[in-house]
Amino acid sequence: MEAITAELIDTGTMRDARGRRLEERREREPVIAAYEGSGLTQRKSAEREGIKFYTFVTWFRRHRDRGATQTFTKVKLAKPAVNPMLEVVLPNGLVVRGVEAGPVAALARRLSVC
């Protein structure tokens, strides 16, 4: 059996448990910035950069989520052109309908006594 001479060179690249290279954020950002300015799809951009598509999607999702902030916008709703119809079904099966709550409630009370 012949001896093999090997040299181990530490490139400083981090790897996960499966041996896959882990890119640092500073290395991913230029790739994401190039994609955002290119007008290409994520798939085409990943191909151009020589990165697996799902790896690129993960990088982009992390980038997007870091910049995401929740914002609330005050919205004014216009009054509906038609008043919504109120409907009250009484225990005896009678149905009282109307557009104003006061008169509908008064009529429902009177009919439920009968």
Protein backbone atom coordinates (compact mmCIF):
# COMPACT_ATOMS: atom_id res chain seq x y z
CA MET A 1 0.00 0.00 0.00
CA GLU A 2 1.28 3.37 -0.99
CA ALA A 3 1.26 6.39 1.33
CA ILE A 4 -0.61 9.49 0.25
CA THR A 5 0.67 12.91 1.14
CA ALA A 6 -2.10 15.44 1.71
CA GLU A 7 -2.18 19.01 2.82
CA LEU A 8 -5.07 20.56 4.71
CA ILE A 9 -5.67 24.19 3.90
CA ASP A 10 -8.06 26.17 6.06
CA THR A 11 -9.80 28.69 3.83
CA GLY A 12 -11.84 30.01 6.74
CA THR A 13 -15.05 28.88 5.09
CA MET A 14 -17.63 27.60 7.51
CA ARG A 15 -19.40 24.35 6.68
CA ASP A 16 -22.48 22.69 8.08
CA ALA A 17 -22.69 19.10 9.36
CA ARG A 18 -23.22 17.84 5.79
CA GLY A 19 -20.11 19.64 4.50
CA ARG A 20 -22.01 22.34 2.65
CA ARG A 21 -20.30 25.70 2.50
CA LEU A 22 -22.00 28.40 4.58
CA GLU A 23 -21.84 31.85 3.08
CA GLU A 24 -21.58 34.80 5.40
CA ARG A 25 -24.05 37.63 5.13
CA ARG A 26 -21.44 39.99 3.69
CA GLU A 27 -20.87 37.49 0.86
CA ARG A 28 -24.59 37.04 0.14
CA GLU A 29 -25.56 40.72 0.06
CA PRO A 30 -23.83 41.61 -3.25
CA VAL A 31 -25.53 38.62 -4.91
CA ILE A 32 -28.95 39.75 -3.63
CA ALA A 33 -28.28 43.37 -4.64
CA ALA A 34 -27.30 42.23 -8.15
CA TYR A 35 -30.53 40.25 -8.40
CA GLU A 36 -32.71 43.15 -7.24
CA GLY A 37 -31.22 45.46 -9.84
CA SER A 38 -31.14 42.97 -12.69
CA GLY A 39 -34.80 42.46 -13.52
CA LEU A 40 -34.16 38.72 -13.80
CA THR A 41 -36.19 36.03 -12.11
CA GLN A 42 -34.74 34.43 -9.00
CA ARG A 43 -34.10 31.24 -10.95
CA LYS A 44 -32.21 33.04 -13.74
CA SER A 45 -30.26 35.12 -11.26
CA ALA A 46 -29.24 32.00 -9.31
CA GLU A 47 -28.10 30.33 -12.55
CA ARG A 48 -26.08 33.42 -13.50
CA GLU A 49 -24.35 33.43 -10.11
CA GLY A 50 -23.77 29.67 -10.11
CA ILE A 51 -25.89 29.11 -7.00
CA LYS A 52 -28.52 26.44 -6.52
CA PHE A 53 -31.97 27.93 -6.91
CA TYR A 54 -33.27 26.88 -3.47
CA THR A 55 -30.12 28.21 -1.82
CA PHE A 56 -30.71 31.55 -3.53
CA VAL A 57 -34.37 31.58 -2.46
CA THR A 58 -33.31 31.00 1.15
CA TRP A 59 -30.77 33.83 0.97
CA PHE A 60 -33.35 36.18 -0.49
CA ARG A 61 -35.99 35.23 2.08
CA ARG A 62 -33.56 35.93 4.93
CA HIS A 63 -32.59 39.24 3.33
CA ARG A 64 -36.24 40.23 2.91
CA ASP A 65 -37.21 39.15 6.44
CA ARG A 66 -34.37 41.19 7.98
CA GLY A 67 -35.71 44.34 6.36
CA ALA A 68 -39.35 43.62 7.07
CA THR A 69 -41.03 45.82 9.60
CA GLN A 70 -44.66 45.82 10.49
CA THR A 71 -46.41 49.03 9.66
CA PHE A 72 -49.96 50.04 10.29
CA THR A 73 -51.91 52.36 8.08
CA LYS A 74 -54.98 54.21 9.19
CA VAL A 75 -57.77 53.60 6.72
CA LYS A 76 -60.97 55.59 6.46
CA LEU A 77 -63.92 53.68 5.09
CA ALA A 78 -66.65 55.47 3.24
CA LYS A 79 -70.20 55.00 4.45
CA PRO A 80 -72.03 52.46 2.35
CA ALA A 81 -74.44 53.98 -0.15
CA VAL A 82 -77.17 51.64 1.03
CA ASN A 83 -77.81 51.02 4.71
CA PRO A 84 -77.35 47.37 5.59
CA MET A 85 -80.54 45.53 6.38
CA LEU A 86 -81.02 44.33 9.94
CA GLU A 87 -82.82 41.08 10.49
CA VAL A 88 -84.17 39.64 13.72
CA VAL A 89 -85.61 36.13 13.81
CA LEU A 90 -88.01 35.69 16.73
CA PRO A 91 -88.44 32.38 18.60
CA ASN A 92 -91.92 31.95 17.07
CA GLY A 93 -90.40 32.12 13.55
CA LEU A 94 -91.39 35.68 12.66
CA VAL A 95 -88.69 37.75 10.92
CA VAL A 96 -88.39 41.50 11.50
CA ARG A 97 -86.31 43.48 8.96
CA GLY A 98 -85.34 47.12 8.85
CA VAL A 99 -82.48 49.56 8.46
CA GLU A 100 -82.61 51.34 11.83
CA ALA A 101 -81.81 49.37 14.97
CA GLY A 102 -84.19 51.26 17.33
CA PRO A 103 -87.45 50.66 15.47
CA VAL A 104 -86.49 47.07 14.57
CA ALA A 105 -85.75 46.27 18.23
CA ALA A 106 -89.00 47.92 19.40
CA LEU A 107 -91.07 45.98 16.89
CA ALA A 108 -89.26 42.73 17.75
CA ARG A 109 -90.02 43.27 21.46
CA ARG A 110 -93.71 43.93 20.77
CA LEU A 111 -94.04 40.91 18.49
CA SER A 112 -92.25 38.58 20.89
CA VAL A 113 -94.81 39.44 23.61
CA CYS A 114 -97.73 38.47 21.35
